[in-house]
Amino acid sequence: TLPGSRSDDVLDLQHSSNVSSETPGLWTFAIRNGAPPGSSPSNPLLP
């Protein structure tokens, strides 16, 4: 669940990112071998 979900802070998604502070509004994830980010060292969860 992305930060701010089910609260008024969900509007902040346009100003934040898990890629870079220089790319506000961009969130990216990788699905590998049917598993979401965080399941292996090669596909960690980005902060």
All heavy atoms as atom14 arrays in JSON, in Angstrom:
{
  "sequence": "TLPGSRSDDVLDLQHSSNVSSETPGLWTFAIRNGAPPGSSPSNPLLP",
  "atom14_mask": [
    [1, 1, 1, 1, 1, 1, 1, 0, 0, 0, 0, 0, 0, 0],
    [1, 1, 1, 1, 1, 1, 1, 1, 0, 0, 0, 0, 0, 0],
    [1, 1, 1, 1, 1, 1, 1, 0, 0, 0, 0, 0, 0, 0],
    [1, 1, 1, 1, 0, 0, 0, 0, 0, 0, 0, 0, 0, 0],
    [1, 1, 1, 1, 1, 1, 0, 0, 0, 0, 0, 0, 0, 0],
    [1, 1, 1, 1, 1, 1, 1, 1, 1, 1, 1, 0, 0, 0],
    [1, 1, 1, 1, 1, 1, 0, 0, 0, 0, 0, 0, 0, 0],
    [1, 1, 1, 1, 1, 1, 1, 1, 0, 0, 0, 0, 0, 0],
    [1, 1, 1, 1, 1, 1, 1, 1, 0, 0, 0, 0, 0, 0],
    [1, 1, 1, 1, 1, 1, 1, 0, 0, 0, 0, 0, 0, 0],
    [1, 1, 1, 1, 1, 1, 1, 1, 0, 0, 0, 0, 0, 0],
    [1, 1, 1, 1, 1, 1, 1, 1, 0, 0, 0, 0, 0, 0],
    [1, 1, 1, 1, 1, 1, 1, 1, 0, 0, 0, 0, 0, 0],
    [1, 1, 1, 1, 1, 1, 1, 1, 1, 0, 0, 0, 0, 0],
    [1, 1, 1, 1, 1, 1, 1, 1, 1, 1, 0, 0, 0, 0],
    [1, 1, 1, 1, 1, 1, 0, 0, 0, 0, 0, 0, 0, 0],
    [1, 1, 1, 1, 1, 1, 0, 0, 0, 0, 0, 0, 0, 0],
    [1, 1, 1, 1, 1, 1, 1, 1, 0, 0, 0, 0, 0, 0],
    [1, 1, 1, 1, 1, 1, 1, 0, 0, 0, 0, 0, 0, 0],
    [1, 1, 1, 1, 1, 1, 0, 0, 0, 0, 0, 0, 0, 0],
    [1, 1, 1, 1, 1, 1, 0, 0, 0, 0, 0, 0, 0, 0],
    [1, 1, 1, 1, 1, 1, 1, 1, 1, 0, 0, 0, 0, 0],
    [1, 1, 1, 1, 1, 1, 1, 0, 0, 0, 0, 0, 0, 0],
    [1, 1, 1, 1, 1, 1, 1, 0, 0, 0, 0, 0, 0, 0],
    [1, 1, 1, 1, 0, 0, 0, 0, 0, 0, 0, 0, 0, 0],
    [1, 1, 1, 1, 1, 1, 1, 1, 0, 0, 0, 0, 0, 0],
    [1, 1, 1, 1, 1, 1, 1, 1, 1, 1, 1, 1, 1, 1],
    [1, 1, 1, 1, 1, 1, 1, 0, 0, 0, 0, 0, 0, 0],
    [1, 1, 1, 1, 1, 1, 1, 1, 1, 1, 1, 0, 0, 0],
    [1, 1, 1, 1, 1, 0, 0, 0, 0, 0, 0, 0, 0, 0],
    [1, 1, 1, 1, 1, 1, 1, 1, 0, 0, 0, 0, 0, 0],
    [1, 1, 1, 1, 1, 1, 1, 1, 1, 1, 1, 0, 0, 0],
    [1, 1, 1, 1, 1, 1, 1, 1, 0, 0, 0, 0, 0, 0],
    [1, 1, 1, 1, 0, 0, 0, 0, 0, 0, 0, 0, 0, 0],
    [1, 1, 1, 1, 1, 0, 0, 0, 0, 0, 0, 0, 0, 0],
    [1, 1, 1, 1, 1, 1, 1, 0, 0, 0, 0, 0, 0, 0],
    [1, 1, 1, 1, 1, 1, 1, 0, 0, 0, 0, 0, 0, 0],
    [1, 1, 1, 1, 0, 0, 0, 0, 0, 0, 0, 0, 0, 0],
    [1, 1, 1, 1, 1, 1, 0, 0, 0, 0, 0, 0, 0, 0],
    [1, 1, 1, 1, 1, 1, 0, 0, 0, 0, 0, 0, 0, 0],
    [1, 1, 1, 1, 1, 1, 1, 0, 0, 0, 0, 0, 0, 0],
    [1, 1, 1, 1, 1, 1, 0, 0, 0, 0, 0, 0, 0, 0],
    [1, 1, 1, 1, 1, 1, 1, 1, 0, 0, 0, 0, 0, 0],
    [1, 1, 1, 1, 1, 1, 1, 0, 0, 0, 0, 0, 0, 0],
    [1, 1, 1, 1, 1, 1, 1, 1, 0, 0, 0, 0, 0, 0],
    [1, 1, 1, 1, 1, 1, 1, 1, 0, 0, 0, 0, 0, 0],
    [1, 1, 1, 1, 1, 1, 1, 0, 0, 0, 0, 0, 0, 0]
  ],
  "atom14_positions": [
    [[0.85, -1.19, 0.0], [0.0, 0.0, 0.0], [0.88, 1.24, 0.0], [1.76, 1.38, 0.84], [-0.91, 0.01, 1.24], [-1.67, -1.19, 1.28], [-1.85, 1.21, 1.21], [0.0, 0.0, 0.0], [0.0, 0.0, 0.0], [0.0, 0.0, 0.0], [0.0, 0.0, 0.0], [0.0, 0.0, 0.0], [0.0, 0.0, 0.0], [0.0, 0.0, 0.0]],
    [[0.68, 2.12, -0.96], [1.51, 3.32, -1.05], [1.21, 4.27, 0.1], [0.09, 4.31, 0.62], [1.29, 4.01, -2.39], [2.29, 3.63, -3.5], [2.27, 2.14, -3.77], [2.04, 4.43, -4.76], [0.0, 0.0, 0.0], [0.0, 0.0, 0.0], [0.0, 0.0, 0.0], [0.0, 0.0, 0.0], [0.0, 0.0, 0.0], [0.0, 0.0, 0.0]],
    [[2.22, 5.07, 0.49], [2.04, 6.0, 1.61], [0.86, 6.93, 1.4], [0.63, 7.43, 0.28], [3.36, 6.77, 1.63], [4.35, 5.86, 0.98], [3.58, 5.12, -0.07], [0.0, 0.0, 0.0], [0.0, 0.0, 0.0], [0.0, 0.0, 0.0], [0.0, 0.0, 0.0], [0.0, 0.0, 0.0], [0.0, 0.0, 0.0], [0.0, 0.0, 0.0]],
    [[0.11, 7.16, 2.46], [-1.01, 8.1, 2.41], [-2.32, 7.48, 1.98], [-3.36, 8.16, 2.01], [0.0, 0.0, 0.0], [0.0, 0.0, 0.0], [0.0, 0.0, 0.0], [0.0, 0.0, 0.0], [0.0, 0.0, 0.0], [0.0, 0.0, 0.0], [0.0, 0.0, 0.0], [0.0, 0.0, 0.0], [0.0, 0.0, 0.0], [0.0, 0.0, 0.0]],
    [[-2.3, 6.21, 1.55], [-3.53, 5.58, 1.07], [-4.63, 5.59, 2.13], [-4.35, 5.46, 3.32], [-3.25, 4.14, 0.65], [-2.47, 4.09, -0.52], [0.0, 0.0, 0.0], [0.0, 0.0, 0.0], [0.0, 0.0, 0.0], [0.0, 0.0, 0.0], [0.0, 0.0, 0.0], [0.0, 0.0, 0.0], [0.0, 0.0, 0.0], [0.0, 0.0, 0.0]],
    [[-5.86, 5.77, 1.69], [-7.05, 5.83, 2.56], [-6.96, 6.96, 3.59], [-7.49, 6.88, 4.68], [-7.29, 4.47, 3.24], [-7.8, 3.42, 2.25], [-7.86, 2.02, 2.85], [-8.62, 1.98, 4.1], [-9.94, 1.8, 4.18], [-10.65, 1.68, 3.08], [-10.55, 1.75, 5.36], [0.0, 0.0, 0.0], [0.0, 0.0, 0.0], [0.0, 0.0, 0.0]],
    [[-6.23, 8.01, 3.2], [-6.18, 9.24, 4.0], [-6.01, 10.4, 3.03], [-5.7, 10.2, 1.84], [-5.01, 9.21, 5.0], [-3.78, 9.49, 4.37], [0.0, 0.0, 0.0], [0.0, 0.0, 0.0], [0.0, 0.0, 0.0], [0.0, 0.0, 0.0], [0.0, 0.0, 0.0], [0.0, 0.0, 0.0], [0.0, 0.0, 0.0], [0.0, 0.0, 0.0]],
    [[-6.2, 11.62, 3.52], [-6.04, 12.78, 2.65], [-4.62, 12.91, 2.13], [-4.38, 13.56, 1.1], [-6.43, 14.06, 3.4], [-7.93, 14.15, 3.66], [-8.69, 13.42, 2.97], [-8.35, 14.93, 4.52], [0.0, 0.0, 0.0], [0.0, 0.0, 0.0], [0.0, 0.0, 0.0], [0.0, 0.0, 0.0], [0.0, 0.0, 0.0], [0.0, 0.0, 0.0]],
    [[-3.66, 12.25, 2.8], [-2.26, 12.33, 2.38], [-2.0, 11.6, 1.07], [-0.89, 11.71, 0.53], [-1.33, 11.77, 3.47], [-1.3, 12.64, 4.71], [-1.65, 13.83, 4.61], [-0.93, 12.13, 5.79], [0.0, 0.0, 0.0], [0.0, 0.0, 0.0], [0.0, 0.0, 0.0], [0.0, 0.0, 0.0], [0.0, 0.0, 0.0], [0.0, 0.0, 0.0]],
    [[-2.98, 10.86, 0.56], [-2.78, 10.19, -0.72], [-2.5, 11.21, -1.82], [-1.88, 10.89, -2.84], [-3.99, 9.3, -1.05], [-5.19, 10.14, -1.46], [-3.64, 8.28, -2.13], [0.0, 0.0, 0.0], [0.0, 0.0, 0.0], [0.0, 0.0, 0.0], [0.0, 0.0, 0.0], [0.0, 0.0, 0.0], [0.0, 0.0, 0.0], [0.0, 0.0, 0.0]],
    [[-2.94, 12.44, -1.63], [-2.66, 13.5, -2.6], [-1.17, 13.77, -2.74], [-0.71, 14.27, -3.77], [-3.37, 14.8, -2.21], [-4.91, 14.78, -2.2], [-5.45, 16.12, -1.72], [-5.46, 14.44, -3.58], [0.0, 0.0, 0.0], [0.0, 0.0, 0.0], [0.0, 0.0, 0.0], [0.0, 0.0, 0.0], [0.0, 0.0, 0.0], [0.0, 0.0, 0.0]],
    [[-0.38, 13.39, -1.72], [1.06, 13.64, -1.75], [1.79, 12.71, -2.71], [2.99, 12.9, -2.95], [1.65, 13.49, -0.35], [1.2, 14.59, 0.59], [0.8, 15.66, 0.1], [1.24, 14.37, 1.83], [0.0, 0.0, 0.0], [0.0, 0.0, 0.0], [0.0, 0.0, 0.0], [0.0, 0.0, 0.0], [0.0, 0.0, 0.0], [0.0, 0.0, 0.0]],
    [[1.11, 11.7, -3.26], [1.78, 10.8, -4.21], [2.31, 11.56, -5.41], [3.28, 11.13, -6.04], [0.82, 9.71, -4.66], [0.44, 8.66, -3.61], [-0.59, 7.7, -4.17], [1.68, 7.9, -3.15], [0.0, 0.0, 0.0], [0.0, 0.0, 0.0], [0.0, 0.0, 0.0], [0.0, 0.0, 0.0], [0.0, 0.0, 0.0], [0.0, 0.0, 0.0]],
    [[1.69, 12.68, -5.75], [2.16, 13.46, -6.9], [3.46, 14.21, -6.59], [4.14, 14.67, -7.52], [1.09, 14.46, -7.33], [0.75, 15.51, -6.26], [-0.46, 16.32, -6.62], [-0.56, 16.85, -7.73], [-1.42, 16.41, -5.69], [0.0, 0.0, 0.0], [0.0, 0.0, 0.0], [0.0, 0.0, 0.0], [0.0, 0.0, 0.0], [0.0, 0.0, 0.0]],
    [[3.81, 14.31, -5.31], [5.02, 15.04, -4.92], [6.14, 14.13, -4.41], [7.23, 14.61, -4.1], [4.68, 16.05, -3.83], [3.59, 17.01, -4.2], [3.65, 17.82, -5.32], [2.39, 17.27, -3.61], [2.55, 18.55, -5.4], [1.77, 18.23, -4.38], [0.0, 0.0, 0.0], [0.0, 0.0, 0.0], [0.0, 0.0, 0.0], [0.0, 0.0, 0.0]],
    [[5.88, 12.82, -4.3], [6.87, 11.89, -3.74], [7.16, 10.79, -4.75], [6.53, 10.69, -5.8], [6.36, 11.31, -2.42], [5.07, 10.73, -2.59], [0.0, 0.0, 0.0], [0.0, 0.0, 0.0], [0.0, 0.0, 0.0], [0.0, 0.0, 0.0], [0.0, 0.0, 0.0], [0.0, 0.0, 0.0], [0.0, 0.0, 0.0], [0.0, 0.0, 0.0]],
    [[8.14, 9.94, -4.43], [8.56, 8.91, -5.37], [9.41, 7.87, -4.65], [10.03, 8.17, -3.63], [9.38, 9.55, -6.5], [10.0, 8.58, -7.32], [0.0, 0.0, 0.0], [0.0, 0.0, 0.0], [0.0, 0.0, 0.0], [0.0, 0.0, 0.0], [0.0, 0.0, 0.0], [0.0, 0.0, 0.0], [0.0, 0.0, 0.0], [0.0, 0.0, 0.0]],
    [[9.44, 6.65, -5.19], [10.4, 5.67, -4.69], [11.56, 5.5, -5.67], [12.34, 4.57, -5.58], [9.73, 4.31, -4.42], [9.33, 3.59, -5.7], [9.23, 4.18, -6.77], [9.08, 2.3, -5.58], [0.0, 0.0, 0.0], [0.0, 0.0, 0.0], [0.0, 0.0, 0.0], [0.0, 0.0, 0.0], [0.0, 0.0, 0.0], [0.0, 0.0, 0.0]],
    [[11.65, 6.42, -6.62], [12.73, 6.41, -7.6], [13.74, 7.51, -7.28], [14.94, 7.26, -7.2], [12.18, 6.6, -9.02], [13.31, 6.64, -10.05], [11.21, 5.48, -9.37], [0.0, 0.0, 0.0], [0.0, 0.0, 0.0], [0.0, 0.0, 0.0], [0.0, 0.0, 0.0], [0.0, 0.0, 0.0], [0.0, 0.0, 0.0], [0.0, 0.0, 0.0]],
    [[13.26, 8.71, -7.09], [14.14, 9.84, -6.84], [13.33, 11.05, -6.42], [12.18, 11.22, -6.85], [14.94, 10.19, -8.11], [15.57, 11.44, -8.0], [0.0, 0.0, 0.0], [0.0, 0.0, 0.0], [0.0, 0.0, 0.0], [0.0, 0.0, 0.0], [0.0, 0.0, 0.0], [0.0, 0.0, 0.0], [0.0, 0.0, 0.0], [0.0, 0.0, 0.0]],
    [[13.91, 11.89, -5.6], [13.26, 13.15, -5.25], [13.2, 14.07, -6.47], [12.47, 15.06, -6.47], [14.02, 13.84, -4.11], [15.37, 14.07, -4.48], [0.0, 0.0, 0.0], [0.0, 0.0, 0.0], [0.0, 0.0, 0.0], [0.0, 0.0, 0.0], [0.0, 0.0, 0.0], [0.0, 0.0, 0.0], [0.0, 0.0, 0.0], [0.0, 0.0, 0.0]],
    [[13.96, 13.75, -7.5], [13.97, 14.55, -8.73], [12.92, 14.09, -9.73], [12.79, 14.68, -10.8], [15.36, 14.5, -9.37], [16.46, 15.09, -8.47], [17.83, 14.98, -9.1], [17.91, 14.48, -10.25], [18.8, 15.4, -8.46], [0.0, 0.0, 0.0], [0.0, 0.0, 0.0], [0.0, 0.0, 0.0], [0.0, 0.0, 0.0], [0.0, 0.0, 0.0]],
    [[12.18, 13.02, -9.4], [11.11, 12.53, -10.29], [9.81, 12.42, -9.51], [9.27, 11.33, -9.34], [11.47, 11.17, -10.9], [11.73, 10.23, -9.83], [12.7, 11.27, -11.78], [0.0, 0.0, 0.0], [0.0, 0.0, 0.0], [0.0, 0.0, 0.0], [0.0, 0.0, 0.0], [0.0, 0.0, 0.0], [0.0, 0.0, 0.0], [0.0, 0.0, 0.0]],
    [[9.3, 13.53, -8.98], [8.07, 13.44, -8.18], [6.91, 12.88, -8.99], [6.75, 13.17, -10.16], [7.82, 14.92, -7.79], [8.55, 15.72, -8.83], [9.76, 14.91, -9.17], [0.0, 0.0, 0.0], [0.0, 0.0, 0.0], [0.0, 0.0, 0.0], [0.0, 0.0, 0.0], [0.0, 0.0, 0.0], [0.0, 0.0, 0.0], [0.0, 0.0, 0.0]],
    [[6.13, 12.04, -8.31], [4.98, 11.44, -8.96], [5.24, 10.12, -9.64], [4.31, 9.49, -10.15], [0.0, 0.0, 0.0], [0.0, 0.0, 0.0], [0.0, 0.0, 0.0], [0.0, 0.0, 0.0], [0.0, 0.0, 0.0], [0.0, 0.0, 0.0], [0.0, 0.0, 0.0], [0.0, 0.0, 0.0], [0.0, 0.0, 0.0], [0.0, 0.0, 0.0]],
    [[6.49, 9.64, -9.65], [6.82, 8.38, -10.29], [7.1, 7.31, -9.24], [7.96, 7.48, -8.37], [8.06, 8.54, -11.19], [8.62, 7.25, -11.8], [7.57, 6.57, -12.67], [9.88, 7.53, -12.59], [0.0, 0.0, 0.0], [0.0, 0.0, 0.0], [0.0, 0.0, 0.0], [0.0, 0.0, 0.0], [0.0, 0.0, 0.0], [0.0, 0.0, 0.0]],
    [[6.36, 6.2, -9.33], [6.53, 5.05, -8.46], [6.7, 3.83, -9.34], [5.91, 3.62, -10.26], [5.32, 4.87, -7.54], [5.14, 6.01, -6.6], [4.63, 7.26, -6.88], [5.5, 6.03, -5.22], [4.65, 8.04, -5.75], [5.18, 7.31, -4.72], [6.04, 5.08, -4.35], [5.4, 7.67, -3.4], [6.26, 5.42, -3.04], [5.95, 6.71, -2.57]],
    [[7.73, 3.03, -9.09], [7.99, 1.89, -9.95], [8.22, 0.63, -9.13], [8.78, 0.69, -8.03], [9.21, 2.16, -10.86], [9.37, 1.08, -11.79], [10.47, 2.35, -10.06], [0.0, 0.0, 0.0], [0.0, 0.0, 0.0], [0.0, 0.0, 0.0], [0.0, 0.0, 0.0], [0.0, 0.0, 0.0], [0.0, 0.0, 0.0], [0.0, 0.0, 0.0]],
    [[7.77, -0.52, -9.66], [7.87, -1.8, -8.97], [8.19, -2.88, -10.0], [7.84, -2.75, -11.18], [6.54, -2.15, -8.28], [5.91, -1.01, -7.54], [4.93, -0.24, -8.14], [6.33, -0.68, -6.27], [4.36, 0.83, -7.48], [5.76, 0.39, -5.6], [4.78, 1.14, -6.2], [0.0, 0.0, 0.0], [0.0, 0.0, 0.0], [0.0, 0.0, 0.0]],
    [[8.82, -3.95, -9.55], [9.16, -5.05, -10.44], [8.55, -6.34, -9.89], [8.69, -6.66, -8.72], [10.67, -5.21, -10.55], [0.0, 0.0, 0.0], [0.0, 0.0, 0.0], [0.0, 0.0, 0.0], [0.0, 0.0, 0.0], [0.0, 0.0, 0.0], [0.0, 0.0, 0.0], [0.0, 0.0, 0.0], [0.0, 0.0, 0.0], [0.0, 0.0, 0.0]],
    [[7.86, -7.08, -10.74], [7.31, -8.38, -10.39], [8.21, -9.43, -11.04], [8.34, -9.47, -12.27], [5.86, -8.54, -10.87], [4.99, -7.37, -10.37], [5.29, -9.87, -10.4], [4.93, -7.24, -8.87], [0.0, 0.0, 0.0], [0.0, 0.0, 0.0], [0.0, 0.0, 0.0], [0.0, 0.0, 0.0], [0.0, 0.0, 0.0], [0.0, 0.0, 0.0]],
    [[8.85, -10.26, -10.22], [9.8, -11.24, -10.72], [9.42, -12.63, -10.21], [9.22, -12.82, -9.01], [11.23, -10.9, -10.29], [11.73, -9.55, -10.83], [11.93, -9.62, -12.35], [12.48, -8.38, -12.89], [11.74, -7.4, -13.41], [10.41, -7.53, -13.43], [12.32, -6.32, -13.88], [0.0, 0.0, 0.0], [0.0, 0.0, 0.0], [0.0, 0.0, 0.0]],
    [[9.34, -13.58, -11.12], [8.97, -14.96, -10.79], [7.66, -15.02, -10.01], [7.5, -15.84, -9.09], [10.09, -15.63, -9.99], [11.39, -15.71, -10.76], [11.38, -16.07, -11.95], [12.5, -15.39, -10.12], [0.0, 0.0, 0.0], [0.0, 0.0, 0.0], [0.0, 0.0, 0.0], [0.0, 0.0, 0.0], [0.0, 0.0, 0.0], [0.0, 0.0, 0.0]],
    [[6.75, -14.14, -10.36], [5.44, -14.11, -9.72], [5.43, -13.49, -8.34], [4.38, -13.46, -7.68], [0.0, 0.0, 0.0], [0.0, 0.0, 0.0], [0.0, 0.0, 0.0], [0.0, 0.0, 0.0], [0.0, 0.0, 0.0], [0.0, 0.0, 0.0], [0.0, 0.0, 0.0], [0.0, 0.0, 0.0], [0.0, 0.0, 0.0], [0.0, 0.0, 0.0]],
    [[6.57, -12.99, -7.89], [6.67, -12.42, -6.54], [6.89, -10.91, -6.61], [7.6, -10.42, -7.5], [7.82, -13.07, -5.78], [0.0, 0.0, 0.0], [0.0, 0.0, 0.0], [0.0, 0.0, 0.0], [0.0, 0.0, 0.0], [0.0, 0.0, 0.0], [0.0, 0.0, 0.0], [0.0, 0.0, 0.0], [0.0, 0.0, 0.0], [0.0, 0.0, 0.0]],
    [[6.32, -10.16, -5.67], [6.47, -8.7, -5.67], [7.82, -8.28, -5.11], [8.59, -9.12, -4.61], [5.32, -8.25, -4.76], [5.14, -9.4, -3.81], [5.41, -10.62, -4.62], [0.0, 0.0, 0.0], [0.0, 0.0, 0.0], [0.0, 0.0, 0.0], [0.0, 0.0, 0.0], [0.0, 0.0, 0.0], [0.0, 0.0, 0.0], [0.0, 0.0, 0.0]],
    [[8.16, -7.0, -5.15], [9.43, -6.51, -4.6], [9.59, -6.89, -3.13], [8.64, -6.91, -2.37], [9.32, -4.99, -4.77], [8.39, -4.81, -5.93], [7.4, -5.92, -5.81], [0.0, 0.0, 0.0], [0.0, 0.0, 0.0], [0.0, 0.0, 0.0], [0.0, 0.0, 0.0], [0.0, 0.0, 0.0], [0.0, 0.0, 0.0], [0.0, 0.0, 0.0]],
    [[10.84, -7.2, -2.76], [11.16, -7.57, -1.4], [11.36, -9.05, -1.2], [11.81, -9.48, -0.15], [0.0, 0.0, 0.0], [0.0, 0.0, 0.0], [0.0, 0.0, 0.0], [0.0, 0.0, 0.0], [0.0, 0.0, 0.0], [0.0, 0.0, 0.0], [0.0, 0.0, 0.0], [0.0, 0.0, 0.0], [0.0, 0.0, 0.0], [0.0, 0.0, 0.0]],
    [[11.07, -9.84, -2.23], [11.13, -11.29, -2.1], [12.51, -11.86, -2.33], [12.77, -13.02, -2.0], [10.14, -11.95, -3.08], [10.42, -11.55, -4.41], [0.0, 0.0, 0.0], [0.0, 0.0, 0.0], [0.0, 0.0, 0.0], [0.0, 0.0, 0.0], [0.0, 0.0, 0.0], [0.0, 0.0, 0.0], [0.0, 0.0, 0.0], [0.0, 0.0, 0.0]],
    [[13.44, -11.06, -2.89], [14.79, -11.56, -3.16], [15.76, -10.39, -3.21], [15.36, -9.24, -3.44], [14.82, -12.32, -4.49], [14.66, -11.42, -5.58], [0.0, 0.0, 0.0], [0.0, 0.0, 0.0], [0.0, 0.0, 0.0], [0.0, 0.0, 0.0], [0.0, 0.0, 0.0], [0.0, 0.0, 0.0], [0.0, 0.0, 0.0], [0.0, 0.0, 0.0]],
    [[17.07, -10.66, -3.02], [18.07, -9.57, -3.11], [18.1, -8.91, -4.48], [18.45, -7.74, -4.6], [19.38, -10.29, -2.8], [19.0, -11.5, -2.03], [17.68, -11.93, -2.59], [0.0, 0.0, 0.0], [0.0, 0.0, 0.0], [0.0, 0.0, 0.0], [0.0, 0.0, 0.0], [0.0, 0.0, 0.0], [0.0, 0.0, 0.0], [0.0, 0.0, 0.0]],
    [[17.76, -9.67, -5.54], [17.8, -9.11, -6.88], [16.58, -8.24, -7.18], [16.57, -7.51, -8.18], [17.9, -10.23, -7.93], [16.76, -11.08, -7.86], [0.0, 0.0, 0.0], [0.0, 0.0, 0.0], [0.0, 0.0, 0.0], [0.0, 0.0, 0.0], [0.0, 0.0, 0.0], [0.0, 0.0, 0.0], [0.0, 0.0, 0.0], [0.0, 0.0, 0.0]],
    [[15.56, -8.31, -6.35], [14.36, -7.48, -6.53], [13.92, -6.93, -5.18], [12.86, -7.27, -4.67], [13.23, -8.3, -7.16], [11.99, -7.45, -7.46], [12.1, -6.24, -7.65], [10.83, -8.08, -7.5], [0.0, 0.0, 0.0], [0.0, 0.0, 0.0], [0.0, 0.0, 0.0], [0.0, 0.0, 0.0], [0.0, 0.0, 0.0], [0.0, 0.0, 0.0]],
    [[14.72, -6.04, -4.58], [14.37, -5.49, -3.27], [13.28, -4.44, -3.39], [13.02, -3.9, -4.46], [15.68, -4.86, -2.81], [16.34, -4.45, -4.09], [15.99, -5.53, -5.09], [0.0, 0.0, 0.0], [0.0, 0.0, 0.0], [0.0, 0.0, 0.0], [0.0, 0.0, 0.0], [0.0, 0.0, 0.0], [0.0, 0.0, 0.0], [0.0, 0.0, 0.0]],
    [[12.64, -4.17, -2.26], [11.65, -3.1, -2.2], [12.37, -1.77, -2.17], [13.24, -1.53, -1.34], [10.78, -3.25, -0.95], [9.71, -2.18, -0.74], [8.63, -2.31, -1.8], [9.1, -2.29, 0.64], [0.0, 0.0, 0.0], [0.0, 0.0, 0.0], [0.0, 0.0, 0.0], [0.0, 0.0, 0.0], [0.0, 0.0, 0.0], [0.0, 0.0, 0.0]],
    [[12.02, -0.89, -3.1], [12.62, 0.44, -3.13], [11.93, 1.34, -2.12], [10.72, 1.28, -1.93], [12.53, 1.04, -4.53], [13.25, 0.27, -5.64], [13.14, 1.03, -6.96], [14.7, 0.03, -5.28], [0.0, 0.0, 0.0], [0.0, 0.0, 0.0], [0.0, 0.0, 0.0], [0.0, 0.0, 0.0], [0.0, 0.0, 0.0], [0.0, 0.0, 0.0]],
    [[12.69, 2.21, -1.48], [12.13, 3.05, -0.42], [11.55, 4.35, -0.93], [11.68, 4.69, -2.09], [13.37, 3.34, 0.44], [14.48, 3.4, -0.57], [14.14, 2.36, -1.61], [0.0, 0.0, 0.0], [0.0, 0.0, 0.0], [0.0, 0.0, 0.0], [0.0, 0.0, 0.0], [0.0, 0.0, 0.0], [0.0, 0.0, 0.0], [0.0, 0.0, 0.0]]
  ]
}
